[in-house]
Amino acid sequence: MNMEPVISVRGEALLEVEPEIAIVNVIIQARDRDRQTVLSRLTSRNQQVTSVIKGYGEAVEKVESGPASIRPDIISKKAGERVSAYVGRASSQVTVRDFTVLGELVANLSDGDLVTVTGPSWALRPDSAVYRDARLAAARDAQVRAREYAQAFGGSISGLIEAADAGLLSAPGSSTTYVGRASGRTLGFAGGESQAELDFEPAKQTVSAQVEARFALTVQEN
């Protein structure tokens, strides 16, 4: 029984692109012996931070609130349940689309009392077209490899038999389509003193993709 020869290849792509968004994390704190005073300060400082963020309009893509807490600070275990003070904490995550305002925004946010700003961290949006571009580039690479192998064996590819995300053909159940990696240095700023405007250089994002494919090989007979 004659079986048509098959060429199996893995196509790969590695794209380096500019980030689409920057993430800035903000933590607000308050401390006092009176629980209600802590809550009042925390609320006021949160409103101030929110006001600063809203002042940048559409330059900010979204703001997401994180966990908030007010907890008693116990003096020591020997003192039983004696509370020395209450500590309040609230957090939020700011997604910025306009990098030209990023340095000013971080400086203004960190200018508040007991406000800690961390960031920026650079990223692509989850639905970024870059991921699709990487997959298609990997598919084109698979075709090129298959043609080169076919030529080396004195033939040509006559059609696609099967294609799948990397790992599905060689090891069922373990697929890897692409991996996006965000790079760049993250800085922390504690509030309390006026900050000069900061200058951030966006860090390139690396997106990789792999695809496995099998092609039919037609060998020219002498």
N, C-alpha and C. Protein backbone atom coordinates (compact mmCIF):
# COMPACT_ATOMS: atom_id res chain seq x y z
N MET A 1 0.85 -1.20 0.00
CA MET A 1 0.00 0.00 0.00
C MET A 1 0.89 1.25 0.00
N ASN A 2 0.72 2.08 -1.00
CA ASN A 2 1.51 3.30 -1.09
C ASN A 2 0.86 4.41 -0.28
N MET A 3 1.66 5.01 0.58
CA MET A 3 1.17 6.11 1.40
C MET A 3 1.87 7.39 0.98
N GLU A 4 1.09 8.45 0.84
CA GLU A 4 1.67 9.72 0.45
C GLU A 4 2.55 10.25 1.58
N PRO A 5 3.79 10.65 1.30
CA PRO A 5 4.67 11.15 2.35
C PRO A 5 4.12 12.44 2.96
N VAL A 6 4.47 12.66 4.22
CA VAL A 6 3.96 13.80 4.97
C VAL A 6 5.13 14.58 5.57
N ILE A 7 5.03 15.89 5.54
CA ILE A 7 6.00 16.75 6.21
C ILE A 7 5.31 17.41 7.41
N SER A 8 5.90 17.25 8.60
CA SER A 8 5.38 17.86 9.82
C SER A 8 6.32 18.97 10.27
N VAL A 9 5.78 20.13 10.52
CA VAL A 9 6.61 21.28 10.90
C VAL A 9 5.97 22.03 12.05
N ARG A 10 6.78 22.86 12.67
CA ARG A 10 6.29 23.79 13.69
C ARG A 10 6.63 25.20 13.25
N GLY A 11 5.62 26.01 13.05
CA GLY A 11 5.84 27.40 12.69
C GLY A 11 5.93 28.26 13.93
N GLU A 12 6.83 29.23 13.91
CA GLU A 12 7.04 30.09 15.07
C GLU A 12 7.07 31.56 14.67
N ALA A 13 6.69 32.41 15.59
CA ALA A 13 6.75 33.86 15.35
C ALA A 13 7.06 34.56 16.66
N LEU A 14 7.84 35.61 16.57
CA LEU A 14 8.19 36.40 17.74
C LEU A 14 8.09 37.87 17.34
N LEU A 15 7.13 38.57 17.93
CA LEU A 15 6.91 39.99 17.62
C LEU A 15 7.29 40.85 18.81
N GLU A 16 7.94 41.95 18.51
CA GLU A 16 8.27 42.94 19.54
C GLU A 16 7.54 44.23 19.18
N VAL A 17 6.65 44.65 20.06
CA VAL A 17 5.77 45.79 19.74
C VAL A 17 5.72 46.77 20.90
N GLU A 18 5.21 47.95 20.62
CA GLU A 18 5.02 48.96 21.66
C GLU A 18 3.84 48.57 22.56
N PRO A 19 3.91 48.89 23.85
CA PRO A 19 2.78 48.60 24.74
C PRO A 19 1.56 49.45 24.38
N GLU A 20 0.40 48.96 24.74
CA GLU A 20 -0.84 49.68 24.47
C GLU A 20 -1.38 50.39 25.70
N ILE A 21 -1.06 49.87 26.88
CA ILE A 21 -1.56 50.45 28.11
C ILE A 21 -0.47 50.42 29.18
N ALA A 22 -0.64 51.27 30.18
CA ALA A 22 0.25 51.29 31.35
C ALA A 22 -0.62 51.14 32.59
N ILE A 23 -0.18 50.31 33.52
CA ILE A 23 -0.93 50.05 34.76
C ILE A 23 -0.24 50.73 35.92
N VAL A 24 -1.00 51.50 36.68
CA VAL A 24 -0.49 52.18 37.88
C VAL A 24 -1.35 51.75 39.06
N ASN A 25 -0.70 51.27 40.13
CA ASN A 25 -1.41 50.84 41.33
C ASN A 25 -1.28 51.91 42.42
N VAL A 26 -2.39 52.21 43.06
CA VAL A 26 -2.42 53.25 44.10
C VAL A 26 -2.93 52.64 45.40
N ILE A 27 -2.18 52.87 46.48
CA ILE A 27 -2.58 52.41 47.81
C ILE A 27 -2.71 53.62 48.73
N ILE A 28 -3.87 53.74 49.39
CA ILE A 28 -4.15 54.84 50.30
C ILE A 28 -4.21 54.29 51.72
N GLN A 29 -3.59 54.98 52.66
CA GLN A 29 -3.59 54.52 54.04
C GLN A 29 -4.02 55.63 55.00
N ALA A 30 -4.46 55.20 56.17
CA ALA A 30 -4.82 56.13 57.24
C ALA A 30 -4.61 55.42 58.58
N ARG A 31 -4.26 56.20 59.60
CA ARG A 31 -3.99 55.61 60.91
C ARG A 31 -4.40 56.59 62.01
N ASP A 32 -5.11 56.09 63.03
CA ASP A 32 -5.51 56.92 64.16
C ASP A 32 -6.05 56.01 65.25
N ARG A 33 -6.14 56.56 66.46
CA ARG A 33 -6.67 55.77 67.56
C ARG A 33 -8.18 55.60 67.46
N ASP A 34 -8.82 56.50 66.73
CA ASP A 34 -10.28 56.45 66.58
C ASP A 34 -10.64 55.81 65.24
N ARG A 35 -11.46 54.78 65.29
CA ARG A 35 -11.85 54.06 64.07
C ARG A 35 -12.57 54.96 63.07
N GLN A 36 -13.48 55.80 63.58
CA GLN A 36 -14.26 56.66 62.69
C GLN A 36 -13.37 57.69 62.00
N THR A 37 -12.34 58.18 62.71
CA THR A 37 -11.41 59.13 62.11
C THR A 37 -10.63 58.48 60.97
N VAL A 38 -10.25 57.22 61.17
CA VAL A 38 -9.55 56.48 60.12
C VAL A 38 -10.44 56.34 58.88
N LEU A 39 -11.69 55.99 59.09
CA LEU A 39 -12.62 55.85 57.98
C LEU A 39 -12.81 57.17 57.26
N SER A 40 -12.93 58.26 58.02
CA SER A 40 -13.12 59.58 57.43
C SER A 40 -11.91 60.00 56.60
N ARG A 41 -10.71 59.78 57.14
CA ARG A 41 -9.50 60.14 56.41
C ARG A 41 -9.34 59.28 55.16
N LEU A 42 -9.64 58.01 55.29
CA LEU A 42 -9.51 57.11 54.15
C LEU A 42 -10.47 57.52 53.04
N THR A 43 -11.68 57.88 53.42
CA THR A 43 -12.67 58.32 52.43
C THR A 43 -12.23 59.61 51.75
N SER A 44 -11.73 60.55 52.53
CA SER A 44 -11.29 61.83 51.99
C SER A 44 -10.11 61.66 51.03
N ARG A 45 -9.14 60.85 51.42
CA ARG A 45 -7.97 60.65 50.57
C ARG A 45 -8.33 59.89 49.30
N ASN A 46 -9.26 58.98 49.42
CA ASN A 46 -9.71 58.25 48.24
C ASN A 46 -10.41 59.19 47.26
N GLN A 47 -11.19 60.12 47.78
CA GLN A 47 -11.87 61.10 46.93
C GLN A 47 -10.85 62.00 46.23
N GLN A 48 -9.80 62.37 46.95
CA GLN A 48 -8.75 63.21 46.36
C GLN A 48 -8.06 62.48 45.21
N VAL A 49 -7.75 61.20 45.42
CA VAL A 49 -7.10 60.40 44.38
C VAL A 49 -8.03 60.25 43.18
N THR A 50 -9.29 59.99 43.45
CA THR A 50 -10.27 59.85 42.37
C THR A 50 -10.39 61.13 41.57
N SER A 51 -10.37 62.25 42.26
CA SER A 51 -10.47 63.56 41.59
C SER A 51 -9.27 63.80 40.67
N VAL A 52 -8.08 63.43 41.15
CA VAL A 52 -6.88 63.59 40.32
C VAL A 52 -7.00 62.75 39.05
N ILE A 53 -7.43 61.51 39.22
CA ILE A 53 -7.54 60.59 38.07
C ILE A 53 -8.57 61.10 37.07
N LYS A 54 -9.73 61.54 37.56
CA LYS A 54 -10.79 62.02 36.67
C LYS A 54 -10.34 63.26 35.90
N GLY A 55 -9.40 64.01 36.48
CA GLY A 55 -8.91 65.21 35.81
C GLY A 55 -8.18 64.94 34.51
N TYR A 56 -7.82 63.67 34.26
CA TYR A 56 -7.10 63.32 33.03
C TYR A 56 -8.03 62.78 31.95
N GLY A 57 -9.32 62.78 32.23
CA GLY A 57 -10.31 62.44 31.20
C GLY A 57 -10.05 61.14 30.48
N GLU A 58 -10.10 61.17 29.15
CA GLU A 58 -9.99 59.97 28.33
C GLU A 58 -8.57 59.42 28.27
N ALA A 59 -7.61 60.16 28.82
CA ALA A 59 -6.24 59.62 28.87
C ALA A 59 -6.18 58.39 29.76
N VAL A 60 -7.12 58.32 30.72
CA VAL A 60 -7.24 57.15 31.59
C VAL A 60 -8.32 56.25 31.02
N GLU A 61 -7.96 55.01 30.74
CA GLU A 61 -8.90 54.07 30.13
C GLU A 61 -9.91 53.54 31.13
N LYS A 62 -9.44 53.19 32.34
CA LYS A 62 -10.36 52.70 33.36
C LYS A 62 -9.69 52.73 34.72
N VAL A 63 -10.54 52.72 35.74
CA VAL A 63 -10.08 52.66 37.13
C VAL A 63 -10.85 51.54 37.82
N GLU A 64 -10.12 50.65 38.48
CA GLU A 64 -10.74 49.52 39.17
C GLU A 64 -10.36 49.55 40.65
N SER A 65 -11.36 49.51 41.50
CA SER A 65 -11.12 49.54 42.94
C SER A 65 -10.68 48.17 43.43
N GLY A 66 -9.69 48.17 44.32
CA GLY A 66 -9.24 46.94 44.95
C GLY A 66 -9.81 46.80 46.34
N PRO A 67 -9.32 45.84 47.13
CA PRO A 67 -9.82 45.63 48.49
C PRO A 67 -9.55 46.82 49.40
N ALA A 68 -10.46 47.05 50.32
CA ALA A 68 -10.28 48.09 51.35
C ALA A 68 -10.46 47.43 52.72
N SER A 69 -9.75 47.96 53.71
CA SER A 69 -9.84 47.36 55.03
C SER A 69 -9.53 48.39 56.12
N ILE A 70 -10.12 48.17 57.30
CA ILE A 70 -9.79 48.91 58.50
C ILE A 70 -9.59 47.86 59.60
N ARG A 71 -8.40 47.82 60.16
CA ARG A 71 -8.09 46.78 61.14
C ARG A 71 -7.50 47.39 62.41
N PRO A 72 -7.73 46.73 63.54
CA PRO A 72 -7.12 47.19 64.79
C PRO A 72 -5.65 46.79 64.84
N ASP A 73 -4.82 47.65 65.39
CA ASP A 73 -3.40 47.37 65.58
C ASP A 73 -3.18 47.07 67.06
N ILE A 74 -2.94 45.80 67.38
CA ILE A 74 -2.79 45.37 68.76
C ILE A 74 -1.40 45.75 69.27
N ILE A 75 -1.32 46.27 70.50
CA ILE A 75 -0.04 46.70 71.07
C ILE A 75 0.92 45.52 71.18
N SER A 76 0.52 44.48 71.85
CA SER A 76 1.34 43.28 71.99
C SER A 76 0.46 42.14 72.45
N LYS A 77 0.96 40.93 72.32
CA LYS A 77 0.19 39.77 72.76
C LYS A 77 -0.02 39.78 74.27
N LYS A 78 0.99 40.27 75.00
CA LYS A 78 0.89 40.29 76.46
C LYS A 78 -0.19 41.26 76.94
N ALA A 79 -0.46 42.27 76.13
CA ALA A 79 -1.45 43.28 76.52
C ALA A 79 -2.88 42.83 76.24
N GLY A 80 -3.04 41.60 75.79
CA GLY A 80 -4.38 41.09 75.49
C GLY A 80 -4.95 41.72 74.23
N GLU A 81 -6.15 42.31 74.38
CA GLU A 81 -6.81 42.90 73.23
C GLU A 81 -6.73 44.42 73.23
N ARG A 82 -5.72 44.98 73.80
CA ARG A 82 -5.57 46.43 73.81
C ARG A 82 -5.20 46.93 72.42
N VAL A 83 -5.98 47.84 71.91
CA VAL A 83 -5.77 48.38 70.56
C VAL A 83 -5.02 49.70 70.66
N SER A 84 -3.88 49.78 70.00
CA SER A 84 -3.10 51.03 70.01
C SER A 84 -3.61 52.02 68.98
N ALA A 85 -4.13 51.49 67.87
CA ALA A 85 -4.64 52.36 66.80
C ALA A 85 -5.40 51.51 65.81
N TYR A 86 -6.04 52.21 64.88
CA TYR A 86 -6.71 51.53 63.77
C TYR A 86 -6.00 51.94 62.48
N VAL A 87 -5.82 50.97 61.60
CA VAL A 87 -5.12 51.20 60.35
C VAL A 87 -6.07 50.93 59.18
N GLY A 88 -6.21 51.91 58.31
CA GLY A 88 -7.08 51.77 57.15
C GLY A 88 -6.27 51.69 55.87
N ARG A 89 -6.81 50.96 54.91
CA ARG A 89 -6.10 50.78 53.63
C ARG A 89 -7.12 50.61 52.50
N ALA A 90 -6.90 51.28 51.40
CA ALA A 90 -7.72 51.12 50.20
C ALA A 90 -6.80 51.14 48.98
N SER A 91 -7.21 50.49 47.92
CA SER A 91 -6.35 50.40 46.74
C SER A 91 -7.17 50.52 45.47
N SER A 92 -6.48 50.89 44.41
CA SER A 92 -7.11 50.97 43.09
C SER A 92 -6.06 50.77 42.02
N GLN A 93 -6.53 50.34 40.87
CA GLN A 93 -5.65 50.11 39.72
C GLN A 93 -6.09 51.02 38.58
N VAL A 94 -5.15 51.79 38.06
CA VAL A 94 -5.45 52.77 37.01
C VAL A 94 -4.82 52.30 35.71
N THR A 95 -5.64 52.20 34.68
CA THR A 95 -5.15 51.82 33.36
C THR A 95 -5.08 53.06 32.49
N VAL A 96 -3.89 53.38 32.02
CA VAL A 96 -3.64 54.61 31.26
C VAL A 96 -3.37 54.27 29.80
N ARG A 97 -4.07 54.98 28.90
CA ARG A 97 -3.85 54.75 27.46
C ARG A 97 -2.96 55.82 26.82
N ASP A 98 -2.93 57.01 27.42
CA ASP A 98 -2.14 58.11 26.88
C ASP A 98 -0.86 58.26 27.70
N PHE A 99 0.25 57.79 27.15
CA PHE A 99 1.51 57.78 27.90
C PHE A 99 2.09 59.18 28.10
N THR A 100 1.62 60.16 27.36
CA THR A 100 2.18 61.51 27.49
C THR A 100 1.82 62.15 28.83
N VAL A 101 0.77 61.66 29.49
CA VAL A 101 0.36 62.22 30.78
C VAL A 101 0.81 61.34 31.95
N LEU A 102 1.46 60.24 31.64
CA LEU A 102 1.76 59.24 32.66
C LEU A 102 2.66 59.78 33.77
N GLY A 103 3.75 60.46 33.39
CA GLY A 103 4.67 60.98 34.39
C GLY A 103 4.00 61.99 35.32
N GLU A 104 3.21 62.87 34.75
CA GLU A 104 2.51 63.87 35.54
C GLU A 104 1.47 63.22 36.45
N LEU A 105 0.77 62.23 35.93
CA LEU A 105 -0.26 61.55 36.72
C LEU A 105 0.36 60.85 37.93
N VAL A 106 1.44 60.12 37.72
CA VAL A 106 2.08 59.41 38.83
C VAL A 106 2.57 60.40 39.89
N ALA A 107 3.16 61.49 39.45
CA ALA A 107 3.66 62.49 40.39
C ALA A 107 2.53 63.12 41.19
N ASN A 108 1.43 63.44 40.53
CA ASN A 108 0.29 64.07 41.21
C ASN A 108 -0.39 63.10 42.18
N LEU A 109 -0.48 61.84 41.79
CA LEU A 109 -1.09 60.85 42.68
C LEU A 109 -0.25 60.65 43.94
N SER A 110 1.05 60.62 43.78
CA SER A 110 1.94 60.35 44.91
C SER A 110 2.09 61.56 45.83
N ASP A 111 1.51 62.68 45.46
CA ASP A 111 1.64 63.91 46.26
C ASP A 111 0.71 63.92 47.47
N GLY A 112 -0.24 62.99 47.50
CA GLY A 112 -1.18 62.97 48.62
C GLY A 112 -0.58 62.37 49.89
N ASP A 113 -1.22 62.65 51.02
CA ASP A 113 -0.77 62.11 52.31
C ASP A 113 -0.99 60.60 52.37
N LEU A 114 0.04 59.89 52.80
CA LEU A 114 -0.02 58.43 52.97
C LEU A 114 -0.58 57.73 51.73
N VAL A 115 -0.12 58.17 50.58
CA VAL A 115 -0.49 57.55 49.31
C VAL A 115 0.77 56.93 48.69
N THR A 116 0.69 55.66 48.34
CA THR A 116 1.80 54.97 47.69
C THR A 116 1.40 54.61 46.26
N VAL A 117 2.22 54.99 45.32
CA VAL A 117 1.95 54.72 43.91
C VAL A 117 3.03 53.77 43.38
N THR A 118 2.61 52.71 42.73
CA THR A 118 3.53 51.73 42.15
C THR A 118 3.26 51.61 40.66
N GLY A 119 4.33 51.72 39.88
CA GLY A 119 4.17 51.59 38.45
C GLY A 119 5.02 52.61 37.71
N PRO A 120 4.87 52.66 36.40
CA PRO A 120 3.89 51.88 35.64
C PRO A 120 4.43 50.50 35.25
N SER A 121 3.51 49.57 35.00
CA SER A 121 3.83 48.32 34.34
C SER A 121 3.16 48.36 32.98
N TRP A 122 3.89 47.92 31.97
CA TRP A 122 3.43 48.06 30.59
C TRP A 122 2.78 46.77 30.11
N ALA A 123 1.79 46.90 29.24
CA ALA A 123 1.07 45.71 28.79
C ALA A 123 0.34 45.96 27.48
N LEU A 124 -0.12 44.86 26.89
CA LEU A 124 -1.05 44.90 25.76
C LEU A 124 -2.44 44.61 26.28
N ARG A 125 -3.45 45.07 25.59
CA ARG A 125 -4.82 44.73 25.97
C ARG A 125 -5.06 43.24 25.72
N PRO A 126 -5.90 42.59 26.54
CA PRO A 126 -6.16 41.17 26.35
C PRO A 126 -6.66 40.82 24.96
N ASP A 127 -7.40 41.73 24.32
CA ASP A 127 -7.95 41.46 22.98
C ASP A 127 -7.13 42.13 21.89
N SER A 128 -5.87 42.42 22.18
CA SER A 128 -5.02 43.12 21.20
C SER A 128 -4.89 42.33 19.91
N ALA A 129 -4.89 43.04 18.79
CA ALA A 129 -4.72 42.41 17.47
C ALA A 129 -3.32 41.84 17.31
N VAL A 130 -2.40 42.22 18.17
CA VAL A 130 -1.02 41.71 18.07
C VAL A 130 -0.99 40.19 18.24
N TYR A 131 -1.84 39.66 19.11
CA TYR A 131 -1.87 38.21 19.32
C TYR A 131 -2.29 37.49 18.05
N ARG A 132 -3.28 38.04 17.36
CA ARG A 132 -3.72 37.45 16.08
C ARG A 132 -2.61 37.55 15.05
N ASP A 133 -1.93 38.71 15.00
CA ASP A 133 -0.83 38.88 14.05
C ASP A 133 0.26 37.84 14.29
N ALA A 134 0.55 37.55 15.56
CA ALA A 134 1.58 36.58 15.88
C ALA A 134 1.18 35.18 15.43
N ARG A 135 -0.08 34.82 15.64
CA ARG A 135 -0.55 33.49 15.21
C ARG A 135 -0.47 33.33 13.69
N LEU A 136 -0.90 34.38 12.98
CA LEU A 136 -0.86 34.31 11.52
C LEU A 136 0.57 34.26 11.01
N ALA A 137 1.46 34.98 11.68
CA ALA A 137 2.87 34.95 11.29
C ALA A 137 3.45 33.56 11.52
N ALA A 138 3.03 32.90 12.60
CA ALA A 138 3.49 31.53 12.86
C ALA A 138 2.98 30.56 11.79
N ALA A 139 1.74 30.77 11.34
CA ALA A 139 1.18 29.91 10.28
C ALA A 139 1.96 30.10 8.98
N ARG A 140 2.31 31.35 8.66
CA ARG A 140 3.09 31.59 7.44
C ARG A 140 4.48 30.97 7.54
N ASP A 141 5.06 31.02 8.74
CA ASP A 141 6.37 30.42 8.94
C ASP A 141 6.31 28.90 8.74
N ALA A 142 5.21 28.28 9.19
CA ALA A 142 5.05 26.83 8.99
C ALA A 142 5.00 26.49 7.51
N GLN A 143 4.30 27.30 6.73
CA GLN A 143 4.24 27.04 5.29
C GLN A 143 5.61 27.17 4.63
N VAL A 144 6.35 28.18 5.02
CA VAL A 144 7.69 28.39 4.45
C VAL A 144 8.59 27.21 4.78
N ARG A 145 8.55 26.77 6.02
CA ARG A 145 9.39 25.64 6.42
C ARG A 145 9.03 24.38 5.64
N ALA A 146 7.73 24.15 5.52
CA ALA A 146 7.29 22.96 4.81
C ALA A 146 7.76 22.99 3.35
N ARG A 147 7.65 24.14 2.70
CA ARG A 147 8.11 24.25 1.31
C ARG A 147 9.61 24.00 1.20
N GLU A 148 10.37 24.54 2.16
CA GLU A 148 11.82 24.36 2.12
C GLU A 148 12.20 22.90 2.30
N TYR A 149 11.52 22.21 3.22
CA TYR A 149 11.79 20.79 3.41
C TYR A 149 11.42 20.00 2.15
N ALA A 150 10.28 20.36 1.58
CA ALA A 150 9.84 19.65 0.38
C ALA A 150 10.86 19.81 -0.75
N GLN A 151 11.35 21.02 -0.95
CA GLN A 151 12.36 21.26 -1.98
C GLN A 151 13.64 20.47 -1.71
N ALA A 152 14.01 20.35 -0.45
CA ALA A 152 15.21 19.60 -0.09
C ALA A 152 15.07 18.13 -0.45
N PHE A 153 13.85 17.63 -0.44
CA PHE A 153 13.61 16.23 -0.80
C PHE A 153 13.22 16.06 -2.27
N GLY A 154 13.35 17.15 -3.02
CA GLY A 154 13.07 17.08 -4.44
C GLY A 154 11.61 17.05 -4.79
N GLY A 155 10.78 17.68 -3.98
CA GLY A 155 9.35 17.68 -4.26
C GLY A 155 8.71 19.00 -3.88
N SER A 156 7.43 18.97 -3.61
CA SER A 156 6.68 20.16 -3.23
C SER A 156 5.51 19.75 -2.36
N ILE A 157 5.00 20.71 -1.58
CA ILE A 157 3.83 20.39 -0.76
C ILE A 157 2.59 20.51 -1.65
N SER A 158 1.70 19.54 -1.51
CA SER A 158 0.51 19.51 -2.35
C SER A 158 -0.76 19.86 -1.61
N GLY A 159 -0.67 20.04 -0.30
CA GLY A 159 -1.87 20.41 0.45
C GLY A 159 -1.67 20.26 1.93
N LEU A 160 -2.51 20.98 2.68
CA LEU A 160 -2.46 20.93 4.13
C LEU A 160 -3.29 19.75 4.63
N ILE A 161 -2.70 18.96 5.51
CA ILE A 161 -3.41 17.82 6.09
C ILE A 161 -4.03 18.20 7.43
N GLU A 162 -3.25 18.86 8.26
CA GLU A 162 -3.72 19.18 9.61
C GLU A 162 -2.91 20.33 10.18
N ALA A 163 -3.55 21.17 10.98
CA ALA A 163 -2.88 22.26 11.66
C ALA A 163 -3.50 22.44 13.04
N ALA A 164 -2.67 22.81 14.01
CA ALA A 164 -3.17 22.96 15.38
C ALA A 164 -2.21 23.82 16.18
N ASP A 165 -2.70 24.32 17.31
CA ASP A 165 -1.82 25.02 18.24
C ASP A 165 -0.70 24.08 18.66
N ALA A 166 0.45 24.66 18.99
CA ALA A 166 1.62 23.88 19.37
C ALA A 166 1.29 22.94 20.53
N GLY A 167 1.66 21.66 20.38
CA GLY A 167 1.43 20.66 21.41
C GLY A 167 0.24 19.77 21.16
N LEU A 168 -0.72 20.21 20.36
CA LEU A 168 -1.93 19.42 20.14
C LEU A 168 -1.68 18.22 19.22
N LEU A 169 -0.77 18.36 18.27
CA LEU A 169 -0.48 17.25 17.38
C LEU A 169 0.55 16.30 17.98
N SER A 170 1.57 16.87 18.63
CA SER A 170 2.64 16.03 19.16
C SER A 170 2.34 15.48 20.54
N ALA A 171 1.57 16.23 21.34
CA ALA A 171 1.25 15.79 22.71
C ALA A 171 -0.15 16.24 23.06
N PRO A 172 -1.17 15.43 22.75
CA PRO A 172 -2.56 15.82 22.99
C PRO A 172 -2.78 16.25 24.44
N GLY A 173 -3.51 17.36 24.57
CA GLY A 173 -3.87 17.83 25.89
C GLY A 173 -2.97 18.92 26.43
N SER A 174 -1.87 19.21 25.70
CA SER A 174 -0.98 20.28 26.18
C SER A 174 -0.76 21.29 25.08
N SER A 175 -1.57 22.32 25.06
CA SER A 175 -1.51 23.31 23.99
C SER A 175 -0.89 24.61 24.47
N THR A 176 -0.12 25.21 23.59
CA THR A 176 0.45 26.52 23.85
C THR A 176 0.31 27.34 22.58
N THR A 177 -0.55 28.33 22.62
CA THR A 177 -0.77 29.14 21.43
C THR A 177 0.17 30.33 21.39
N TYR A 178 0.17 31.14 22.44
CA TYR A 178 1.07 32.28 22.45
C TYR A 178 1.31 32.70 23.89
N VAL A 179 2.36 33.42 24.06
CA VAL A 179 2.69 33.97 25.37
C VAL A 179 3.06 35.42 25.20
N GLY A 180 2.39 36.32 25.92
CA GLY A 180 2.76 37.73 25.90
C GLY A 180 3.48 38.08 27.18
N ARG A 181 4.60 38.74 27.06
CA ARG A 181 5.39 39.07 28.24
C ARG A 181 5.52 40.58 28.36
N ALA A 182 5.15 41.10 29.53
CA ALA A 182 5.28 42.53 29.78
C ALA A 182 6.58 42.78 30.53
N SER A 183 7.36 43.69 30.04
CA SER A 183 8.62 44.00 30.68
C SER A 183 8.66 45.46 31.07
N GLY A 184 9.67 45.83 31.81
CA GLY A 184 9.80 47.23 32.21
C GLY A 184 9.93 47.38 33.71
N ARG A 185 10.62 48.38 34.15
CA ARG A 185 10.86 48.58 35.57
C ARG A 185 9.65 49.22 36.23
N THR A 186 9.34 48.74 37.42
CA THR A 186 8.23 49.27 38.19
C THR A 186 8.79 50.06 39.37
N LEU A 187 8.28 51.24 39.59
CA LEU A 187 8.77 52.11 40.65
C LEU A 187 7.67 52.37 41.66
N GLY A 188 8.08 52.61 42.90
CA GLY A 188 7.13 52.94 43.95
C GLY A 188 7.38 54.34 44.46
N PHE A 189 6.32 55.08 44.75
CA PHE A 189 6.43 56.46 45.23
C PHE A 189 5.53 56.64 46.43
N ALA A 190 6.08 57.12 47.51
CA ALA A 190 5.28 57.40 48.70
C ALA A 190 4.94 58.87 48.72
N GLY A 191 3.69 59.16 49.05
CA GLY A 191 3.23 60.54 49.03
C GLY A 191 3.71 61.34 50.23
N GLY A 192 3.43 62.63 50.21
CA GLY A 192 3.78 63.49 51.32
C GLY A 192 4.52 64.73 50.88
N GLU A 193 5.29 64.63 49.80
CA GLU A 193 6.02 65.77 49.27
C GLU A 193 5.73 65.89 47.78
N SER A 194 5.77 67.12 47.29
CA SER A 194 5.49 67.35 45.87
C SER A 194 6.55 66.69 45.01
N GLN A 195 6.12 66.00 43.96
CA GLN A 195 7.03 65.30 43.08
C GLN A 195 7.16 66.04 41.75
N ALA A 196 8.38 66.06 41.23
CA ALA A 196 8.56 66.61 39.89
C ALA A 196 7.96 65.62 38.90
N GLU A 197 7.62 66.12 37.71
CA GLU A 197 7.05 65.24 36.70
C GLU A 197 8.08 64.21 36.27
N LEU A 198 7.65 62.97 36.17
CA LEU A 198 8.55 61.86 35.84
C LEU A 198 8.49 61.55 34.35
N ASP A 199 9.59 61.04 33.84
CA ASP A 199 9.69 60.71 32.43
C ASP A 199 9.83 59.20 32.30
N PHE A 200 8.82 58.54 31.75
CA PHE A 200 8.83 57.09 31.59
C PHE A 200 9.03 56.71 30.12
N GLU A 201 9.87 55.72 29.89
CA GLU A 201 10.09 55.20 28.55
C GLU A 201 9.35 53.87 28.42
N PRO A 202 8.32 53.79 27.55
CA PRO A 202 7.56 52.55 27.41
C PRO A 202 8.45 51.37 27.05
N ALA A 203 8.21 50.23 27.72
CA ALA A 203 9.00 49.02 27.48
C ALA A 203 8.35 48.18 26.39
N LYS A 204 9.16 47.71 25.45
CA LYS A 204 8.66 46.87 24.37
C LYS A 204 8.01 45.60 24.93
N GLN A 205 6.96 45.13 24.25
CA GLN A 205 6.28 43.91 24.63
C GLN A 205 6.62 42.81 23.63
N THR A 206 6.88 41.62 24.14
CA THR A 206 7.22 40.49 23.29
C THR A 206 6.07 39.50 23.26
N VAL A 207 5.62 39.16 22.06
CA VAL A 207 4.52 38.20 21.89
C VAL A 207 5.01 37.08 20.99
N SER A 208 4.87 35.85 21.43
CA SER A 208 5.31 34.71 20.64
C SER A 208 4.13 33.80 20.32
N ALA A 209 4.23 33.08 19.23
CA ALA A 209 3.18 32.14 18.83
C ALA A 209 3.81 30.94 18.15
N GLN A 210 3.16 29.80 18.29
CA GLN A 210 3.62 28.57 17.65
C GLN A 210 2.42 27.82 17.08
N VAL A 211 2.64 27.16 15.98
CA VAL A 211 1.60 26.34 15.37
C VAL A 211 2.25 25.10 14.76
N GLU A 212 1.59 23.97 14.85
CA GLU A 212 2.08 22.74 14.24
C GLU A 212 1.21 22.42 13.03
N ALA A 213 1.85 21.93 11.99
CA ALA A 213 1.12 21.64 10.76
C ALA A 213 1.71 20.44 10.04
N ARG A 214 0.87 19.73 9.32
CA ARG A 214 1.29 18.59 8.49
C ARG A 214 0.83 18.83 7.06
N PHE A 215 1.77 18.66 6.16
CA PHE A 215 1.50 18.88 4.75
C PHE A 215 1.78 17.61 3.96
N ALA A 216 1.00 17.40 2.91
CA ALA A 216 1.26 16.29 2.00
C ALA A 216 2.44 16.65 1.10
N LEU A 217 3.33 15.71 0.88
CA LEU A 217 4.52 15.92 0.07
C LEU A 217 4.40 15.15 -1.24
N THR A 218 4.56 15.87 -2.32
CA THR A 218 4.58 15.23 -3.64
C THR A 218 6.01 15.26 -4.15
N VAL A 219 6.56 14.06 -4.39
CA VAL A 219 7.93 13.94 -4.86
C VAL A 219 7.93 13.66 -6.35
N GLN A 220 8.70 14.44 -7.07
CA GLN A 220 8.76 14.26 -8.51
C GLN A 220 9.66 13.05 -8.83
N GLU A 221 9.11 12.15 -9.60
CA GLU A 221 9.86 10.95 -9.98
C GLU A 221 10.76 11.26 -11.16
N ASN A 222 11.96 10.69 -11.10
CA ASN A 222 12.94 10.88 -12.20
C ASN A 222 12.52 10.06 -13.44
